[in-house]
Amino acid sequence: SWRSLTAWLQEKDIRTPTGGQWGS
């Protein structure tokens, strides 16, 4: 799910191009 993918990005501390946290 989108929620699961977002949780993985946050767990790996992978940021958006502006340095923010990903949302689903």
PDBML (XML) file of the C-alpha atoms, coordinates in Angstrom:
<?xml version="1.0" encoding="UTF-8" ?>
<PDBx:datablock datablockName="MODEL"
   xmlns:PDBx="http://pdbml.pdb.org/schema/pdbx-v50.xsd"
   xmlns:xsi="http://www.w3.org/2001/XMLSchema-instance"
   xsi:schemaLocation="http://pdbml.pdb.org/schema/pdbx-v50.xsd pdbx-v50.xsd">
   <PDBx:atom_siteCategory>
      <PDBx:atom_site id="1">
         <PDBx:B_iso_or_equiv>0.00</PDBx:B_iso_or_equiv>
         <PDBx:Cartn_x>0.000</PDBx:Cartn_x>
         <PDBx:Cartn_y>0.000</PDBx:Cartn_y>
         <PDBx:Cartn_z>0.000</PDBx:Cartn_z>
         <PDBx:auth_asym_id>A</PDBx:auth_asym_id>
         <PDBx:auth_atom_id>CA</PDBx:auth_atom_id>
         <PDBx:auth_comp_id>SER</PDBx:auth_comp_id>
         <PDBx:auth_seq_id>1</PDBx:auth_seq_id>
         <PDBx:group_PDB>ATOM</PDBx:group_PDB>
         <PDBx:label_alt_id xsi:nil="true" />
         <PDBx:label_asym_id>A</PDBx:label_asym_id>
         <PDBx:label_atom_id>CA</PDBx:label_atom_id>
         <PDBx:label_comp_id>SER</PDBx:label_comp_id>
         <PDBx:label_entity_id>1</PDBx:label_entity_id>
         <PDBx:label_seq_id>1</PDBx:label_seq_id>
         <PDBx:occupancy>1.00</PDBx:occupancy>
         <PDBx:pdbx_PDB_model_num>1</PDBx:pdbx_PDB_model_num>
         <PDBx:type_symbol>C</PDBx:type_symbol>
      </PDBx:atom_site>
      <PDBx:atom_site id="2">
         <PDBx:B_iso_or_equiv>0.00</PDBx:B_iso_or_equiv>
         <PDBx:Cartn_x>0.919</PDBx:Cartn_x>
         <PDBx:Cartn_y>3.669</PDBx:Cartn_y>
         <PDBx:Cartn_z>-0.259</PDBx:Cartn_z>
         <PDBx:auth_asym_id>A</PDBx:auth_asym_id>
         <PDBx:auth_atom_id>CA</PDBx:auth_atom_id>
         <PDBx:auth_comp_id>TRP</PDBx:auth_comp_id>
         <PDBx:auth_seq_id>2</PDBx:auth_seq_id>
         <PDBx:group_PDB>ATOM</PDBx:group_PDB>
         <PDBx:label_alt_id xsi:nil="true" />
         <PDBx:label_asym_id>A</PDBx:label_asym_id>
         <PDBx:label_atom_id>CA</PDBx:label_atom_id>
         <PDBx:label_comp_id>TRP</PDBx:label_comp_id>
         <PDBx:label_entity_id>1</PDBx:label_entity_id>
         <PDBx:label_seq_id>2</PDBx:label_seq_id>
         <PDBx:occupancy>1.00</PDBx:occupancy>
         <PDBx:pdbx_PDB_model_num>1</PDBx:pdbx_PDB_model_num>
         <PDBx:type_symbol>C</PDBx:type_symbol>
      </PDBx:atom_site>
      <PDBx:atom_site id="3">
         <PDBx:B_iso_or_equiv>0.00</PDBx:B_iso_or_equiv>
         <PDBx:Cartn_x>0.966</PDBx:Cartn_x>
         <PDBx:Cartn_y>3.763</PDBx:Cartn_y>
         <PDBx:Cartn_z>3.524</PDBx:Cartn_z>
         <PDBx:auth_asym_id>A</PDBx:auth_asym_id>
         <PDBx:auth_atom_id>CA</PDBx:auth_atom_id>
         <PDBx:auth_comp_id>ARG</PDBx:auth_comp_id>
         <PDBx:auth_seq_id>3</PDBx:auth_seq_id>
         <PDBx:group_PDB>ATOM</PDBx:group_PDB>
         <PDBx:label_alt_id xsi:nil="true" />
         <PDBx:label_asym_id>A</PDBx:label_asym_id>
         <PDBx:label_atom_id>CA</PDBx:label_atom_id>
         <PDBx:label_comp_id>ARG</PDBx:label_comp_id>
         <PDBx:label_entity_id>1</PDBx:label_entity_id>
         <PDBx:label_seq_id>3</PDBx:label_seq_id>
         <PDBx:occupancy>1.00</PDBx:occupancy>
         <PDBx:pdbx_PDB_model_num>1</PDBx:pdbx_PDB_model_num>
         <PDBx:type_symbol>C</PDBx:type_symbol>
      </PDBx:atom_site>
      <PDBx:atom_site id="4">
         <PDBx:B_iso_or_equiv>0.00</PDBx:B_iso_or_equiv>
         <PDBx:Cartn_x>3.481</PDBx:Cartn_x>
         <PDBx:Cartn_y>0.916</PDBx:Cartn_y>
         <PDBx:Cartn_z>3.669</PDBx:Cartn_z>
         <PDBx:auth_asym_id>A</PDBx:auth_asym_id>
         <PDBx:auth_atom_id>CA</PDBx:auth_atom_id>
         <PDBx:auth_comp_id>SER</PDBx:auth_comp_id>
         <PDBx:auth_seq_id>4</PDBx:auth_seq_id>
         <PDBx:group_PDB>ATOM</PDBx:group_PDB>
         <PDBx:label_alt_id xsi:nil="true" />
         <PDBx:label_asym_id>A</PDBx:label_asym_id>
         <PDBx:label_atom_id>CA</PDBx:label_atom_id>
         <PDBx:label_comp_id>SER</PDBx:label_comp_id>
         <PDBx:label_entity_id>1</PDBx:label_entity_id>
         <PDBx:label_seq_id>4</PDBx:label_seq_id>
         <PDBx:occupancy>1.00</PDBx:occupancy>
         <PDBx:pdbx_PDB_model_num>1</PDBx:pdbx_PDB_model_num>
         <PDBx:type_symbol>C</PDBx:type_symbol>
      </PDBx:atom_site>
      <PDBx:atom_site id="5">
         <PDBx:B_iso_or_equiv>0.00</PDBx:B_iso_or_equiv>
         <PDBx:Cartn_x>5.754</PDBx:Cartn_x>
         <PDBx:Cartn_y>2.546</PDBx:Cartn_y>
         <PDBx:Cartn_z>1.073</PDBx:Cartn_z>
         <PDBx:auth_asym_id>A</PDBx:auth_asym_id>
         <PDBx:auth_atom_id>CA</PDBx:auth_atom_id>
         <PDBx:auth_comp_id>LEU</PDBx:auth_comp_id>
         <PDBx:auth_seq_id>5</PDBx:auth_seq_id>
         <PDBx:group_PDB>ATOM</PDBx:group_PDB>
         <PDBx:label_alt_id xsi:nil="true" />
         <PDBx:label_asym_id>A</PDBx:label_asym_id>
         <PDBx:label_atom_id>CA</PDBx:label_atom_id>
         <PDBx:label_comp_id>LEU</PDBx:label_comp_id>
         <PDBx:label_entity_id>1</PDBx:label_entity_id>
         <PDBx:label_seq_id>5</PDBx:label_seq_id>
         <PDBx:occupancy>1.00</PDBx:occupancy>
         <PDBx:pdbx_PDB_model_num>1</PDBx:pdbx_PDB_model_num>
         <PDBx:type_symbol>C</PDBx:type_symbol>
      </PDBx:atom_site>
      <PDBx:atom_site id="6">
         <PDBx:B_iso_or_equiv>0.00</PDBx:B_iso_or_equiv>
         <PDBx:Cartn_x>5.633</PDBx:Cartn_x>
         <PDBx:Cartn_y>5.852</PDBx:Cartn_y>
         <PDBx:Cartn_z>2.941</PDBx:Cartn_z>
         <PDBx:auth_asym_id>A</PDBx:auth_asym_id>
         <PDBx:auth_atom_id>CA</PDBx:auth_atom_id>
         <PDBx:auth_comp_id>THR</PDBx:auth_comp_id>
         <PDBx:auth_seq_id>6</PDBx:auth_seq_id>
         <PDBx:group_PDB>ATOM</PDBx:group_PDB>
         <PDBx:label_alt_id xsi:nil="true" />
         <PDBx:label_asym_id>A</PDBx:label_asym_id>
         <PDBx:label_atom_id>CA</PDBx:label_atom_id>
         <PDBx:label_comp_id>THR</PDBx:label_comp_id>
         <PDBx:label_entity_id>1</PDBx:label_entity_id>
         <PDBx:label_seq_id>6</PDBx:label_seq_id>
         <PDBx:occupancy>1.00</PDBx:occupancy>
         <PDBx:pdbx_PDB_model_num>1</PDBx:pdbx_PDB_model_num>
         <PDBx:type_symbol>C</PDBx:type_symbol>
      </PDBx:atom_site>
      <PDBx:atom_site id="7">
         <PDBx:B_iso_or_equiv>0.00</PDBx:B_iso_or_equiv>
         <PDBx:Cartn_x>6.503</PDBx:Cartn_x>
         <PDBx:Cartn_y>4.123</PDBx:Cartn_y>
         <PDBx:Cartn_z>6.211</PDBx:Cartn_z>
         <PDBx:auth_asym_id>A</PDBx:auth_asym_id>
         <PDBx:auth_atom_id>CA</PDBx:auth_atom_id>
         <PDBx:auth_comp_id>ALA</PDBx:auth_comp_id>
         <PDBx:auth_seq_id>7</PDBx:auth_seq_id>
         <PDBx:group_PDB>ATOM</PDBx:group_PDB>
         <PDBx:label_alt_id xsi:nil="true" />
         <PDBx:label_asym_id>A</PDBx:label_asym_id>
         <PDBx:label_atom_id>CA</PDBx:label_atom_id>
         <PDBx:label_comp_id>ALA</PDBx:label_comp_id>
         <PDBx:label_entity_id>1</PDBx:label_entity_id>
         <PDBx:label_seq_id>7</PDBx:label_seq_id>
         <PDBx:occupancy>1.00</PDBx:occupancy>
         <PDBx:pdbx_PDB_model_num>1</PDBx:pdbx_PDB_model_num>
         <PDBx:type_symbol>C</PDBx:type_symbol>
      </PDBx:atom_site>
      <PDBx:atom_site id="8">
         <PDBx:B_iso_or_equiv>0.00</PDBx:B_iso_or_equiv>
         <PDBx:Cartn_x>9.503</PDBx:Cartn_x>
         <PDBx:Cartn_y>2.488</PDBx:Cartn_y>
         <PDBx:Cartn_z>4.517</PDBx:Cartn_z>
         <PDBx:auth_asym_id>A</PDBx:auth_asym_id>
         <PDBx:auth_atom_id>CA</PDBx:auth_atom_id>
         <PDBx:auth_comp_id>TRP</PDBx:auth_comp_id>
         <PDBx:auth_seq_id>8</PDBx:auth_seq_id>
         <PDBx:group_PDB>ATOM</PDBx:group_PDB>
         <PDBx:label_alt_id xsi:nil="true" />
         <PDBx:label_asym_id>A</PDBx:label_asym_id>
         <PDBx:label_atom_id>CA</PDBx:label_atom_id>
         <PDBx:label_comp_id>TRP</PDBx:label_comp_id>
         <PDBx:label_entity_id>1</PDBx:label_entity_id>
         <PDBx:label_seq_id>8</PDBx:label_seq_id>
         <PDBx:occupancy>1.00</PDBx:occupancy>
         <PDBx:pdbx_PDB_model_num>1</PDBx:pdbx_PDB_model_num>
         <PDBx:type_symbol>C</PDBx:type_symbol>
      </PDBx:atom_site>
      <PDBx:atom_site id="9">
         <PDBx:B_iso_or_equiv>0.00</PDBx:B_iso_or_equiv>
         <PDBx:Cartn_x>10.758</PDBx:Cartn_x>
         <PDBx:Cartn_y>5.855</PDBx:Cartn_y>
         <PDBx:Cartn_z>3.227</PDBx:Cartn_z>
         <PDBx:auth_asym_id>A</PDBx:auth_asym_id>
         <PDBx:auth_atom_id>CA</PDBx:auth_atom_id>
         <PDBx:auth_comp_id>LEU</PDBx:auth_comp_id>
         <PDBx:auth_seq_id>9</PDBx:auth_seq_id>
         <PDBx:group_PDB>ATOM</PDBx:group_PDB>
         <PDBx:label_alt_id xsi:nil="true" />
         <PDBx:label_asym_id>A</PDBx:label_asym_id>
         <PDBx:label_atom_id>CA</PDBx:label_atom_id>
         <PDBx:label_comp_id>LEU</PDBx:label_comp_id>
         <PDBx:label_entity_id>1</PDBx:label_entity_id>
         <PDBx:label_seq_id>9</PDBx:label_seq_id>
         <PDBx:occupancy>1.00</PDBx:occupancy>
         <PDBx:pdbx_PDB_model_num>1</PDBx:pdbx_PDB_model_num>
         <PDBx:type_symbol>C</PDBx:type_symbol>
      </PDBx:atom_site>
      <PDBx:atom_site id="10">
         <PDBx:B_iso_or_equiv>0.00</PDBx:B_iso_or_equiv>
         <PDBx:Cartn_x>10.450</PDBx:Cartn_x>
         <PDBx:Cartn_y>7.363</PDBx:Cartn_y>
         <PDBx:Cartn_z>6.686</PDBx:Cartn_z>
         <PDBx:auth_asym_id>A</PDBx:auth_asym_id>
         <PDBx:auth_atom_id>CA</PDBx:auth_atom_id>
         <PDBx:auth_comp_id>GLN</PDBx:auth_comp_id>
         <PDBx:auth_seq_id>10</PDBx:auth_seq_id>
         <PDBx:group_PDB>ATOM</PDBx:group_PDB>
         <PDBx:label_alt_id xsi:nil="true" />
         <PDBx:label_asym_id>A</PDBx:label_asym_id>
         <PDBx:label_atom_id>CA</PDBx:label_atom_id>
         <PDBx:label_comp_id>GLN</PDBx:label_comp_id>
         <PDBx:label_entity_id>1</PDBx:label_entity_id>
         <PDBx:label_seq_id>10</PDBx:label_seq_id>
         <PDBx:occupancy>1.00</PDBx:occupancy>
         <PDBx:pdbx_PDB_model_num>1</PDBx:pdbx_PDB_model_num>
         <PDBx:type_symbol>C</PDBx:type_symbol>
      </PDBx:atom_site>
      <PDBx:atom_site id="11">
         <PDBx:B_iso_or_equiv>0.00</PDBx:B_iso_or_equiv>
         <PDBx:Cartn_x>12.128</PDBx:Cartn_x>
         <PDBx:Cartn_y>4.367</PDBx:Cartn_y>
         <PDBx:Cartn_z>8.299</PDBx:Cartn_z>
         <PDBx:auth_asym_id>A</PDBx:auth_asym_id>
         <PDBx:auth_atom_id>CA</PDBx:auth_atom_id>
         <PDBx:auth_comp_id>GLU</PDBx:auth_comp_id>
         <PDBx:auth_seq_id>11</PDBx:auth_seq_id>
         <PDBx:group_PDB>ATOM</PDBx:group_PDB>
         <PDBx:label_alt_id xsi:nil="true" />
         <PDBx:label_asym_id>A</PDBx:label_asym_id>
         <PDBx:label_atom_id>CA</PDBx:label_atom_id>
         <PDBx:label_comp_id>GLU</PDBx:label_comp_id>
         <PDBx:label_entity_id>1</PDBx:label_entity_id>
         <PDBx:label_seq_id>11</PDBx:label_seq_id>
         <PDBx:occupancy>1.00</PDBx:occupancy>
         <PDBx:pdbx_PDB_model_num>1</PDBx:pdbx_PDB_model_num>
         <PDBx:type_symbol>C</PDBx:type_symbol>
      </PDBx:atom_site>
      <PDBx:atom_site id="12">
         <PDBx:B_iso_or_equiv>0.00</PDBx:B_iso_or_equiv>
         <PDBx:Cartn_x>15.080</PDBx:Cartn_x>
         <PDBx:Cartn_y>4.708</PDBx:Cartn_y>
         <PDBx:Cartn_z>5.885</PDBx:Cartn_z>
         <PDBx:auth_asym_id>A</PDBx:auth_asym_id>
         <PDBx:auth_atom_id>CA</PDBx:auth_atom_id>
         <PDBx:auth_comp_id>LYS</PDBx:auth_comp_id>
         <PDBx:auth_seq_id>12</PDBx:auth_seq_id>
         <PDBx:group_PDB>ATOM</PDBx:group_PDB>
         <PDBx:label_alt_id xsi:nil="true" />
         <PDBx:label_asym_id>A</PDBx:label_asym_id>
         <PDBx:label_atom_id>CA</PDBx:label_atom_id>
         <PDBx:label_comp_id>LYS</PDBx:label_comp_id>
         <PDBx:label_entity_id>1</PDBx:label_entity_id>
         <PDBx:label_seq_id>12</PDBx:label_seq_id>
         <PDBx:occupancy>1.00</PDBx:occupancy>
         <PDBx:pdbx_PDB_model_num>1</PDBx:pdbx_PDB_model_num>
         <PDBx:type_symbol>C</PDBx:type_symbol>
      </PDBx:atom_site>
      <PDBx:atom_site id="13">
         <PDBx:B_iso_or_equiv>0.00</PDBx:B_iso_or_equiv>
         <PDBx:Cartn_x>15.078</PDBx:Cartn_x>
         <PDBx:Cartn_y>8.496</PDBx:Cartn_y>
         <PDBx:Cartn_z>6.441</PDBx:Cartn_z>
         <PDBx:auth_asym_id>A</PDBx:auth_asym_id>
         <PDBx:auth_atom_id>CA</PDBx:auth_atom_id>
         <PDBx:auth_comp_id>ASP</PDBx:auth_comp_id>
         <PDBx:auth_seq_id>13</PDBx:auth_seq_id>
         <PDBx:group_PDB>ATOM</PDBx:group_PDB>
         <PDBx:label_alt_id xsi:nil="true" />
         <PDBx:label_asym_id>A</PDBx:label_asym_id>
         <PDBx:label_atom_id>CA</PDBx:label_atom_id>
         <PDBx:label_comp_id>ASP</PDBx:label_comp_id>
         <PDBx:label_entity_id>1</PDBx:label_entity_id>
         <PDBx:label_seq_id>13</PDBx:label_seq_id>
         <PDBx:occupancy>1.00</PDBx:occupancy>
         <PDBx:pdbx_PDB_model_num>1</PDBx:pdbx_PDB_model_num>
         <PDBx:type_symbol>C</PDBx:type_symbol>
      </PDBx:atom_site>
      <PDBx:atom_site id="14">
         <PDBx:B_iso_or_equiv>0.00</PDBx:B_iso_or_equiv>
         <PDBx:Cartn_x>14.824</PDBx:Cartn_x>
         <PDBx:Cartn_y>9.132</PDBx:Cartn_y>
         <PDBx:Cartn_z>2.693</PDBx:Cartn_z>
         <PDBx:auth_asym_id>A</PDBx:auth_asym_id>
         <PDBx:auth_atom_id>CA</PDBx:auth_atom_id>
         <PDBx:auth_comp_id>ILE</PDBx:auth_comp_id>
         <PDBx:auth_seq_id>14</PDBx:auth_seq_id>
         <PDBx:group_PDB>ATOM</PDBx:group_PDB>
         <PDBx:label_alt_id xsi:nil="true" />
         <PDBx:label_asym_id>A</PDBx:label_asym_id>
         <PDBx:label_atom_id>CA</PDBx:label_atom_id>
         <PDBx:label_comp_id>ILE</PDBx:label_comp_id>
         <PDBx:label_entity_id>1</PDBx:label_entity_id>
         <PDBx:label_seq_id>14</PDBx:label_seq_id>
         <PDBx:occupancy>1.00</PDBx:occupancy>
         <PDBx:pdbx_PDB_model_num>1</PDBx:pdbx_PDB_model_num>
         <PDBx:type_symbol>C</PDBx:type_symbol>
      </PDBx:atom_site>
      <PDBx:atom_site id="15">
         <PDBx:B_iso_or_equiv>0.00</PDBx:B_iso_or_equiv>
         <PDBx:Cartn_x>13.812</PDBx:Cartn_x>
         <PDBx:Cartn_y>12.764</PDBx:Cartn_y>
         <PDBx:Cartn_z>2.223</PDBx:Cartn_z>
         <PDBx:auth_asym_id>A</PDBx:auth_asym_id>
         <PDBx:auth_atom_id>CA</PDBx:auth_atom_id>
         <PDBx:auth_comp_id>ARG</PDBx:auth_comp_id>
         <PDBx:auth_seq_id>15</PDBx:auth_seq_id>
         <PDBx:group_PDB>ATOM</PDBx:group_PDB>
         <PDBx:label_alt_id xsi:nil="true" />
         <PDBx:label_asym_id>A</PDBx:label_asym_id>
         <PDBx:label_atom_id>CA</PDBx:label_atom_id>
         <PDBx:label_comp_id>ARG</PDBx:label_comp_id>
         <PDBx:label_entity_id>1</PDBx:label_entity_id>
         <PDBx:label_seq_id>15</PDBx:label_seq_id>
         <PDBx:occupancy>1.00</PDBx:occupancy>
         <PDBx:pdbx_PDB_model_num>1</PDBx:pdbx_PDB_model_num>
         <PDBx:type_symbol>C</PDBx:type_symbol>
      </PDBx:atom_site>
      <PDBx:atom_site id="16">
         <PDBx:B_iso_or_equiv>0.00</PDBx:B_iso_or_equiv>
         <PDBx:Cartn_x>11.962</PDBx:Cartn_x>
         <PDBx:Cartn_y>14.730</PDBx:Cartn_y>
         <PDBx:Cartn_z>-0.440</PDBx:Cartn_z>
         <PDBx:auth_asym_id>A</PDBx:auth_asym_id>
         <PDBx:auth_atom_id>CA</PDBx:auth_atom_id>
         <PDBx:auth_comp_id>THR</PDBx:auth_comp_id>
         <PDBx:auth_seq_id>16</PDBx:auth_seq_id>
         <PDBx:group_PDB>ATOM</PDBx:group_PDB>
         <PDBx:label_alt_id xsi:nil="true" />
         <PDBx:label_asym_id>A</PDBx:label_asym_id>
         <PDBx:label_atom_id>CA</PDBx:label_atom_id>
         <PDBx:label_comp_id>THR</PDBx:label_comp_id>
         <PDBx:label_entity_id>1</PDBx:label_entity_id>
         <PDBx:label_seq_id>16</PDBx:label_seq_id>
         <PDBx:occupancy>1.00</PDBx:occupancy>
         <PDBx:pdbx_PDB_model_num>1</PDBx:pdbx_PDB_model_num>
         <PDBx:type_symbol>C</PDBx:type_symbol>
      </PDBx:atom_site>
      <PDBx:atom_site id="17">
         <PDBx:B_iso_or_equiv>0.00</PDBx:B_iso_or_equiv>
         <PDBx:Cartn_x>13.960</PDBx:Cartn_x>
         <PDBx:Cartn_y>17.070</PDBx:Cartn_y>
         <PDBx:Cartn_z>-2.726</PDBx:Cartn_z>
         <PDBx:auth_asym_id>A</PDBx:auth_asym_id>
         <PDBx:auth_atom_id>CA</PDBx:auth_atom_id>
         <PDBx:auth_comp_id>PRO</PDBx:auth_comp_id>
         <PDBx:auth_seq_id>17</PDBx:auth_seq_id>
         <PDBx:group_PDB>ATOM</PDBx:group_PDB>
         <PDBx:label_alt_id xsi:nil="true" />
         <PDBx:label_asym_id>A</PDBx:label_asym_id>
         <PDBx:label_atom_id>CA</PDBx:label_atom_id>
         <PDBx:label_comp_id>PRO</PDBx:label_comp_id>
         <PDBx:label_entity_id>1</PDBx:label_entity_id>
         <PDBx:label_seq_id>17</PDBx:label_seq_id>
         <PDBx:occupancy>1.00</PDBx:occupancy>
         <PDBx:pdbx_PDB_model_num>1</PDBx:pdbx_PDB_model_num>
         <PDBx:type_symbol>C</PDBx:type_symbol>
      </PDBx:atom_site>
      <PDBx:atom_site id="18">
         <PDBx:B_iso_or_equiv>0.00</PDBx:B_iso_or_equiv>
         <PDBx:Cartn_x>13.247</PDBx:Cartn_x>
         <PDBx:Cartn_y>19.894</PDBx:Cartn_y>
         <PDBx:Cartn_z>-0.269</PDBx:Cartn_z>
         <PDBx:auth_asym_id>A</PDBx:auth_asym_id>
         <PDBx:auth_atom_id>CA</PDBx:auth_atom_id>
         <PDBx:auth_comp_id>THR</PDBx:auth_comp_id>
         <PDBx:auth_seq_id>18</PDBx:auth_seq_id>
         <PDBx:group_PDB>ATOM</PDBx:group_PDB>
         <PDBx:label_alt_id xsi:nil="true" />
         <PDBx:label_asym_id>A</PDBx:label_asym_id>
         <PDBx:label_atom_id>CA</PDBx:label_atom_id>
         <PDBx:label_comp_id>THR</PDBx:label_comp_id>
         <PDBx:label_entity_id>1</PDBx:label_entity_id>
         <PDBx:label_seq_id>18</PDBx:label_seq_id>
         <PDBx:occupancy>1.00</PDBx:occupancy>
         <PDBx:pdbx_PDB_model_num>1</PDBx:pdbx_PDB_model_num>
         <PDBx:type_symbol>C</PDBx:type_symbol>
      </PDBx:atom_site>
      <PDBx:atom_site id="19">
         <PDBx:B_iso_or_equiv>0.00</PDBx:B_iso_or_equiv>
         <PDBx:Cartn_x>14.443</PDBx:Cartn_x>
         <PDBx:Cartn_y>17.832</PDBx:Cartn_y>
         <PDBx:Cartn_z>2.700</PDBx:Cartn_z>
         <PDBx:auth_asym_id>A</PDBx:auth_asym_id>
         <PDBx:auth_atom_id>CA</PDBx:auth_atom_id>
         <PDBx:auth_comp_id>GLY</PDBx:auth_comp_id>
         <PDBx:auth_seq_id>19</PDBx:auth_seq_id>
         <PDBx:group_PDB>ATOM</PDBx:group_PDB>
         <PDBx:label_alt_id xsi:nil="true" />
         <PDBx:label_asym_id>A</PDBx:label_asym_id>
         <PDBx:label_atom_id>CA</PDBx:label_atom_id>
         <PDBx:label_comp_id>GLY</PDBx:label_comp_id>
         <PDBx:label_entity_id>1</PDBx:label_entity_id>
         <PDBx:label_seq_id>19</PDBx:label_seq_id>
         <PDBx:occupancy>1.00</PDBx:occupancy>
         <PDBx:pdbx_PDB_model_num>1</PDBx:pdbx_PDB_model_num>
         <PDBx:type_symbol>C</PDBx:type_symbol>
      </PDBx:atom_site>
      <PDBx:atom_site id="20">
         <PDBx:B_iso_or_equiv>0.00</PDBx:B_iso_or_equiv>
         <PDBx:Cartn_x>11.003</PDBx:Cartn_x>
         <PDBx:Cartn_y>17.114</PDBx:Cartn_y>
         <PDBx:Cartn_z>4.144</PDBx:Cartn_z>
         <PDBx:auth_asym_id>A</PDBx:auth_asym_id>
         <PDBx:auth_atom_id>CA</PDBx:auth_atom_id>
         <PDBx:auth_comp_id>GLY</PDBx:auth_comp_id>
         <PDBx:auth_seq_id>20</PDBx:auth_seq_id>
         <PDBx:group_PDB>ATOM</PDBx:group_PDB>
         <PDBx:label_alt_id xsi:nil="true" />
         <PDBx:label_asym_id>A</PDBx:label_asym_id>
         <PDBx:label_atom_id>CA</PDBx:label_atom_id>
         <PDBx:label_comp_id>GLY</PDBx:label_comp_id>
         <PDBx:label_entity_id>1</PDBx:label_entity_id>
         <PDBx:label_seq_id>20</PDBx:label_seq_id>
         <PDBx:occupancy>1.00</PDBx:occupancy>
         <PDBx:pdbx_PDB_model_num>1</PDBx:pdbx_PDB_model_num>
         <PDBx:type_symbol>C</PDBx:type_symbol>
      </PDBx:atom_site>
      <PDBx:atom_site id="21">
         <PDBx:B_iso_or_equiv>0.00</PDBx:B_iso_or_equiv>
         <PDBx:Cartn_x>9.302</PDBx:Cartn_x>
         <PDBx:Cartn_y>13.882</PDBx:Cartn_y>
         <PDBx:Cartn_z>5.192</PDBx:Cartn_z>
         <PDBx:auth_asym_id>A</PDBx:auth_asym_id>
         <PDBx:auth_atom_id>CA</PDBx:auth_atom_id>
         <PDBx:auth_comp_id>GLN</PDBx:auth_comp_id>
         <PDBx:auth_seq_id>21</PDBx:auth_seq_id>
         <PDBx:group_PDB>ATOM</PDBx:group_PDB>
         <PDBx:label_alt_id xsi:nil="true" />
         <PDBx:label_asym_id>A</PDBx:label_asym_id>
         <PDBx:label_atom_id>CA</PDBx:label_atom_id>
         <PDBx:label_comp_id>GLN</PDBx:label_comp_id>
         <PDBx:label_entity_id>1</PDBx:label_entity_id>
         <PDBx:label_seq_id>21</PDBx:label_seq_id>
         <PDBx:occupancy>1.00</PDBx:occupancy>
         <PDBx:pdbx_PDB_model_num>1</PDBx:pdbx_PDB_model_num>
         <PDBx:type_symbol>C</PDBx:type_symbol>
      </PDBx:atom_site>
      <PDBx:atom_site id="22">
         <PDBx:B_iso_or_equiv>0.00</PDBx:B_iso_or_equiv>
         <PDBx:Cartn_x>7.286</PDBx:Cartn_x>
         <PDBx:Cartn_y>11.922</PDBx:Cartn_y>
         <PDBx:Cartn_z>2.650</PDBx:Cartn_z>
         <PDBx:auth_asym_id>A</PDBx:auth_asym_id>
         <PDBx:auth_atom_id>CA</PDBx:auth_atom_id>
         <PDBx:auth_comp_id>TRP</PDBx:auth_comp_id>
         <PDBx:auth_seq_id>22</PDBx:auth_seq_id>
         <PDBx:group_PDB>ATOM</PDBx:group_PDB>
         <PDBx:label_alt_id xsi:nil="true" />
         <PDBx:label_asym_id>A</PDBx:label_asym_id>
         <PDBx:label_atom_id>CA</PDBx:label_atom_id>
         <PDBx:label_comp_id>TRP</PDBx:label_comp_id>
         <PDBx:label_entity_id>1</PDBx:label_entity_id>
         <PDBx:label_seq_id>22</PDBx:label_seq_id>
         <PDBx:occupancy>1.00</PDBx:occupancy>
         <PDBx:pdbx_PDB_model_num>1</PDBx:pdbx_PDB_model_num>
         <PDBx:type_symbol>C</PDBx:type_symbol>
      </PDBx:atom_site>
      <PDBx:atom_site id="23">
         <PDBx:B_iso_or_equiv>0.00</PDBx:B_iso_or_equiv>
         <PDBx:Cartn_x>3.508</PDBx:Cartn_x>
         <PDBx:Cartn_y>11.657</PDBx:Cartn_y>
         <PDBx:Cartn_z>2.961</PDBx:Cartn_z>
         <PDBx:auth_asym_id>A</PDBx:auth_asym_id>
         <PDBx:auth_atom_id>CA</PDBx:auth_atom_id>
         <PDBx:auth_comp_id>GLY</PDBx:auth_comp_id>
         <PDBx:auth_seq_id>23</PDBx:auth_seq_id>
         <PDBx:group_PDB>ATOM</PDBx:group_PDB>
         <PDBx:label_alt_id xsi:nil="true" />
         <PDBx:label_asym_id>A</PDBx:label_asym_id>
         <PDBx:label_atom_id>CA</PDBx:label_atom_id>
         <PDBx:label_comp_id>GLY</PDBx:label_comp_id>
         <PDBx:label_entity_id>1</PDBx:label_entity_id>
         <PDBx:label_seq_id>23</PDBx:label_seq_id>
         <PDBx:occupancy>1.00</PDBx:occupancy>
         <PDBx:pdbx_PDB_model_num>1</PDBx:pdbx_PDB_model_num>
         <PDBx:type_symbol>C</PDBx:type_symbol>
      </PDBx:atom_site>
      <PDBx:atom_site id="24">
         <PDBx:B_iso_or_equiv>0.00</PDBx:B_iso_or_equiv>
         <PDBx:Cartn_x>1.434</PDBx:Cartn_x>
         <PDBx:Cartn_y>8.947</PDBx:Cartn_y>
         <PDBx:Cartn_z>1.292</PDBx:Cartn_z>
         <PDBx:auth_asym_id>A</PDBx:auth_asym_id>
         <PDBx:auth_atom_id>CA</PDBx:auth_atom_id>
         <PDBx:auth_comp_id>SER</PDBx:auth_comp_id>
         <PDBx:auth_seq_id>24</PDBx:auth_seq_id>
         <PDBx:group_PDB>ATOM</PDBx:group_PDB>
         <PDBx:label_alt_id xsi:nil="true" />
         <PDBx:label_asym_id>A</PDBx:label_asym_id>
         <PDBx:label_atom_id>CA</PDBx:label_atom_id>
         <PDBx:label_comp_id>SER</PDBx:label_comp_id>
         <PDBx:label_entity_id>1</PDBx:label_entity_id>
         <PDBx:label_seq_id>24</PDBx:label_seq_id>
         <PDBx:occupancy>1.00</PDBx:occupancy>
         <PDBx:pdbx_PDB_model_num>1</PDBx:pdbx_PDB_model_num>
         <PDBx:type_symbol>C</PDBx:type_symbol>
      </PDBx:atom_site>
   </PDBx:atom_siteCategory>
</PDBx:datablock>
